[in-house]
Amino acid sequence: MTDVFRHEYFDDFEREHANIFASKLALVKTAITLGATRQSGYTVSVGAGTGSYEDALRRDGYTVHRIIEPSANLAAEARARGFEVTEALIQDVPFEELSIDTIFYNGSAFGFINEHDLRDIFQAHYRQLKPGGVLALLDVPPASALGLAVQASFRIDGESYISQVLRASWYSAETPHKEYWRTTEDYQALLEDGGFSRFLTWQTLRRHLIYQNESVEPVVPGYQEGSYVALVAVK
């Protein structure tokens, strides 16, 4: 498989868009701690990319014990940051049952997985999590401002106002496009098929795209406004 992921897409954007990065990081923290009401415990990050969020979490006192990242280029960057990294697709990585406290997918990593495989993966995660364990999916919803702009950009050749706006809020026109755009309700239905029955949602980046990097945005409950949303399933 050709590795089309380049770390520059992500790390350069995050350095240049520090407030967007901080807003998304705050959402990750909220999701894995259920709003600071639990310890994250033994934590696995799936599709971590270069490990930039995991590195920021570590600086803030959170430990990510293992990263699963299928891209060789990105896995190498995460490994260079000192993380234990398995270079593989999540469906190919076995975990013991009742062995994990927290699993999180940051950056819509599940948007590259077809529905059949994703249903099986969620069922496996339900078995792997300890009682009270958390599975957090962090996503750009398809009907959000950012989601609509990204999808529109796929269909526009050349420069446009949409491409100008996206440069203010999105990684790169060359960033690999996720194949599957599903709603939060779609993901909840798949999680219910996997055995989960308790759900929480939080969101951030609710401003117009051109203003999202002006200051750090708060995390608020819900999922119907934000360009970045966390759907959290609790075992």
Protein backbone atom coordinates (compact mmCIF):
# COMPACT_ATOMS: atom_id res chain seq x y z
CA MET A 1 0.00 0.00 0.00
CA THR A 2 1.35 3.41 -0.99
CA ASP A 3 1.84 5.64 2.02
CA VAL A 4 0.36 8.98 0.97
CA PHE A 5 0.37 10.56 4.42
CA ARG A 6 3.02 13.20 5.12
CA HIS A 7 3.69 14.60 8.54
CA GLU A 8 4.03 18.13 7.15
CA TYR A 9 0.28 18.21 6.43
CA PHE A 10 -0.41 17.91 10.13
CA ASP A 11 2.47 19.30 12.19
CA ASP A 12 2.91 22.44 10.07
CA PHE A 13 -0.82 23.18 10.25
CA GLU A 14 -0.92 22.69 14.01
CA ARG A 15 2.01 25.04 14.59
CA GLU A 16 0.44 27.71 12.39
CA HIS A 17 -3.08 27.24 13.83
CA ALA A 18 -2.31 27.01 17.53
CA ASN A 19 -5.77 28.01 18.72
CA ILE A 20 -7.53 25.44 16.54
CA PHE A 21 -5.11 22.83 17.87
CA ALA A 22 -5.78 23.92 21.47
CA SER A 23 -9.55 23.81 20.93
CA LYS A 24 -9.37 20.29 19.54
CA LEU A 25 -6.98 19.18 22.28
CA ALA A 26 -9.45 20.42 24.91
CA LEU A 27 -12.14 18.30 23.24
CA VAL A 28 -9.91 15.23 23.39
CA LYS A 29 -9.27 15.80 27.10
CA THR A 30 -12.98 16.23 27.79
CA ALA A 31 -13.84 13.08 25.87
CA ILE A 32 -11.34 10.75 27.51
CA THR A 33 -12.04 12.02 31.04
CA LEU A 34 -15.81 12.49 30.62
CA GLY A 35 -15.46 16.12 31.50
CA ALA A 36 -12.79 15.60 34.19
CA THR A 37 -14.89 13.04 36.10
CA ARG A 38 -12.61 10.02 35.52
CA GLN A 39 -8.97 9.04 35.12
CA SER A 40 -8.14 7.92 31.59
CA GLY A 41 -6.17 4.88 32.80
CA TYR A 42 -4.57 2.54 30.26
CA THR A 43 -5.10 4.45 27.03
CA VAL A 44 -4.84 3.48 23.37
CA SER A 45 -4.90 6.05 20.56
CA VAL A 46 -6.00 4.85 17.11
CA GLY A 47 -4.95 6.75 14.00
CA ALA A 48 -2.76 9.11 16.00
CA GLY A 49 -0.86 10.42 12.99
CA THR A 50 2.38 12.01 14.13
CA GLY A 51 1.45 11.77 17.81
CA SER A 52 1.18 15.54 18.20
CA TYR A 53 -2.00 15.41 20.30
CA GLU A 54 -0.66 12.53 22.35
CA ASP A 55 2.51 14.54 22.96
CA ALA A 56 0.45 17.52 24.11
CA LEU A 57 -1.62 15.25 26.36
CA ARG A 58 1.58 13.90 27.89
CA ARG A 59 2.81 17.43 28.65
CA ASP A 60 -0.49 18.04 30.44
CA GLY A 61 -0.16 14.92 32.60
CA TYR A 62 -2.10 12.34 30.56
CA THR A 63 -0.45 9.10 29.45
CA VAL A 64 -1.11 7.45 26.09
CA HIS A 65 0.28 3.96 26.51
CA ARG A 66 0.03 2.70 22.95
CA ILE A 67 -0.58 4.15 19.50
CA ILE A 68 -1.99 2.27 16.51
CA GLU A 69 -1.11 4.03 13.23
CA PRO A 70 -1.16 2.36 9.79
CA SER A 71 0.88 5.00 7.95
CA ALA A 72 4.61 4.21 8.02
CA ASN A 73 5.56 7.89 7.70
CA LEU A 74 3.30 9.05 10.50
CA ALA A 75 4.08 6.07 12.73
CA ALA A 76 7.78 6.93 12.46
CA GLU A 77 7.08 10.48 13.65
CA ALA A 78 5.02 9.25 16.61
CA ARG A 79 7.72 6.74 17.49
CA ALA A 80 10.34 9.49 17.38
CA ARG A 81 8.28 11.30 20.02
CA GLY A 82 8.86 8.36 22.34
CA PHE A 83 5.57 6.48 22.02
CA GLU A 84 5.01 2.75 21.73
CA VAL A 85 3.63 2.55 18.20
CA THR A 86 2.16 -0.40 16.34
CA GLU A 87 2.19 0.20 12.59
CA ALA A 88 -1.01 -1.58 11.56
CA LEU A 89 -4.70 -1.24 10.85
CA ILE A 90 -6.70 -1.38 14.07
CA GLN A 91 -8.66 -4.44 12.89
CA ASP A 92 -5.37 -6.35 12.68
CA VAL A 93 -4.26 -5.58 16.26
CA PRO A 94 -5.39 -8.01 18.97
CA PHE A 95 -5.99 -6.79 22.51
CA GLU A 96 -6.95 -8.93 25.48
CA GLU A 97 -10.51 -8.61 26.71
CA LEU A 98 -11.06 -6.25 29.66
CA SER A 99 -7.55 -4.82 29.27
CA ILE A 100 -8.11 -1.17 28.25
CA ASP A 101 -9.59 1.81 30.09
CA THR A 102 -9.74 4.30 27.22
CA ILE A 103 -9.64 4.06 23.43
CA PHE A 104 -9.82 7.21 21.35
CA TYR A 105 -9.83 7.93 17.64
CA ASN A 106 -8.70 11.49 16.93
CA GLY A 107 -9.13 13.16 13.55
CA SER A 108 -11.85 10.98 11.98
CA ALA A 109 -9.57 7.95 11.62
CA PHE A 110 -12.67 5.75 11.49
CA GLY A 111 -13.72 7.61 8.33
CA PHE A 112 -11.31 5.42 6.38
CA ILE A 113 -12.99 2.18 7.54
CA ASN A 114 -15.98 0.58 5.82
CA GLU A 115 -19.17 -0.11 7.75
CA HIS A 116 -18.77 -3.89 7.95
CA ASP A 117 -15.26 -3.67 9.39
CA LEU A 118 -16.17 -0.79 11.67
CA ARG A 119 -19.06 -2.72 13.22
CA ASP A 120 -16.69 -5.61 13.95
CA ILE A 121 -14.09 -3.21 15.38
CA PHE A 122 -16.60 -1.60 17.74
CA GLN A 123 -17.72 -5.03 18.94
CA ALA A 124 -14.09 -5.90 19.63
CA HIS A 125 -13.55 -2.63 21.50
CA TYR A 126 -16.56 -3.37 23.70
CA ARG A 127 -14.93 -6.65 24.73
CA GLN A 128 -11.49 -5.07 25.17
CA LEU A 129 -12.67 -2.24 27.44
CA LYS A 130 -12.93 -2.67 31.19
CA PRO A 131 -16.29 -1.93 32.87
CA GLY A 132 -16.68 1.84 32.84
CA GLY A 133 -14.22 2.08 29.97
CA VAL A 134 -14.53 4.77 27.32
CA LEU A 135 -14.44 4.69 23.53
CA ALA A 136 -14.20 8.23 22.12
CA LEU A 137 -14.69 9.09 18.46
CA LEU A 138 -13.56 12.58 17.45
CA ASP A 139 -14.90 13.64 14.09
CA VAL A 140 -15.64 16.37 11.56
CA PRO A 141 -19.37 15.73 10.91
CA PRO A 142 -20.46 15.80 7.25
CA ALA A 143 -23.07 18.54 7.76
CA SER A 144 -20.81 20.80 9.85
CA ALA A 145 -19.39 23.97 8.31
CA LEU A 146 -15.96 22.38 7.98
CA GLY A 147 -17.35 19.06 6.76
CA LEU A 148 -19.37 20.70 3.99
CA ALA A 149 -16.44 22.89 2.91
CA VAL A 150 -14.02 19.96 2.75
CA GLN A 151 -16.45 17.85 0.72
CA ALA A 152 -17.19 20.77 -1.63
CA SER A 153 -13.46 21.27 -2.18
CA PHE A 154 -13.20 17.74 -3.60
CA ARG A 155 -15.40 18.85 -6.51
CA ILE A 156 -13.82 22.22 -7.29
CA ASP A 157 -10.80 22.55 -9.55
CA GLY A 158 -8.51 25.49 -9.09
CA GLU A 159 -8.68 28.40 -6.68
CA SER A 160 -12.03 29.37 -5.15
CA TYR A 161 -13.39 31.15 -2.09
CA ILE A 162 -13.95 27.73 -0.52
CA SER A 163 -10.26 26.86 -0.94
CA GLN A 164 -9.30 30.23 0.59
CA VAL A 165 -11.53 29.61 3.60
CA LEU A 166 -10.25 26.07 4.03
CA ARG A 167 -6.68 27.27 4.30
CA ALA A 168 -7.76 29.09 7.46
CA SER A 169 -9.17 25.97 9.10
CA TRP A 170 -8.05 22.77 7.33
CA TYR A 171 -4.76 20.98 6.82
CA SER A 172 -4.08 20.96 3.09
CA ALA A 173 -5.76 20.46 -0.25
CA GLU A 174 -3.43 17.47 -0.64
CA THR A 175 -4.40 15.84 2.66
CA PRO A 176 -5.81 12.36 1.91
CA HIS A 177 -9.59 12.41 1.81
CA LYS A 178 -11.48 10.13 4.14
CA GLU A 179 -13.85 7.92 2.18
CA TYR A 180 -16.77 7.62 4.60
CA TRP A 181 -18.67 10.68 5.87
CA ARG A 182 -21.17 9.54 8.49
CA THR A 183 -23.34 11.48 10.91
CA THR A 184 -22.99 11.25 14.67
CA GLU A 185 -26.26 9.31 14.70
CA ASP A 186 -24.78 6.83 12.20
CA TYR A 187 -21.83 6.20 14.50
CA GLN A 188 -24.04 5.85 17.54
CA ALA A 189 -26.08 3.18 15.73
CA LEU A 190 -22.90 1.26 14.90
CA LEU A 191 -21.75 1.54 18.52
CA GLU A 192 -25.13 0.25 19.72
CA ASP A 193 -24.67 -2.75 17.42
CA GLY A 194 -21.35 -3.25 19.19
CA GLY A 195 -22.98 -3.44 22.62
CA PHE A 196 -22.71 0.14 23.89
CA SER A 197 -25.77 1.84 25.37
CA ARG A 198 -24.51 4.95 27.21
CA PHE A 199 -23.40 7.94 25.13
CA LEU A 200 -22.20 11.50 25.67
CA THR A 201 -21.35 14.21 23.14
CA TRP A 202 -19.27 17.38 23.19
CA GLN A 203 -18.30 19.86 20.49
CA THR A 204 -16.02 22.78 19.66
CA LEU A 205 -15.03 25.00 16.69
CA ARG A 206 -18.51 26.45 16.31
CA ARG A 207 -17.48 29.73 14.70
CA HIS A 208 -17.35 30.44 10.97
CA LEU A 209 -14.25 28.79 9.56
CA ILE A 210 -12.30 31.98 8.95
CA TYR A 211 -12.52 32.93 12.62
CA GLN A 212 -11.74 29.60 14.27
CA ASN A 213 -8.06 30.31 14.84
CA GLU A 214 -8.58 33.74 16.40
CA SER A 215 -8.87 32.33 19.93
CA VAL A 216 -9.32 29.03 21.72
CA GLU A 217 -12.96 27.97 21.70
CA PRO A 218 -14.67 26.32 24.67
CA VAL A 219 -15.90 22.75 24.69
CA VAL A 220 -19.67 22.54 25.13
CA PRO A 221 -22.14 19.63 25.28
CA GLY A 222 -23.85 18.48 22.11
CA TYR A 223 -22.94 17.72 18.50
CA GLN A 224 -25.21 19.77 16.22
CA GLU A 225 -23.10 22.94 15.91
CA GLY A 226 -19.40 22.14 16.08
CA SER A 227 -17.02 21.48 13.23
CA TYR A 228 -15.29 19.09 15.64
CA VAL A 229 -17.40 16.69 17.69
CA ALA A 230 -16.72 13.96 20.24
CA LEU A 231 -19.08 11.00 20.50
CA VAL A 232 -18.20 9.03 23.63
CA ALA A 233 -19.48 5.54 24.36
CA VAL A 234 -19.16 4.24 27.93
CA LYS A 235 -19.14 0.52 28.68
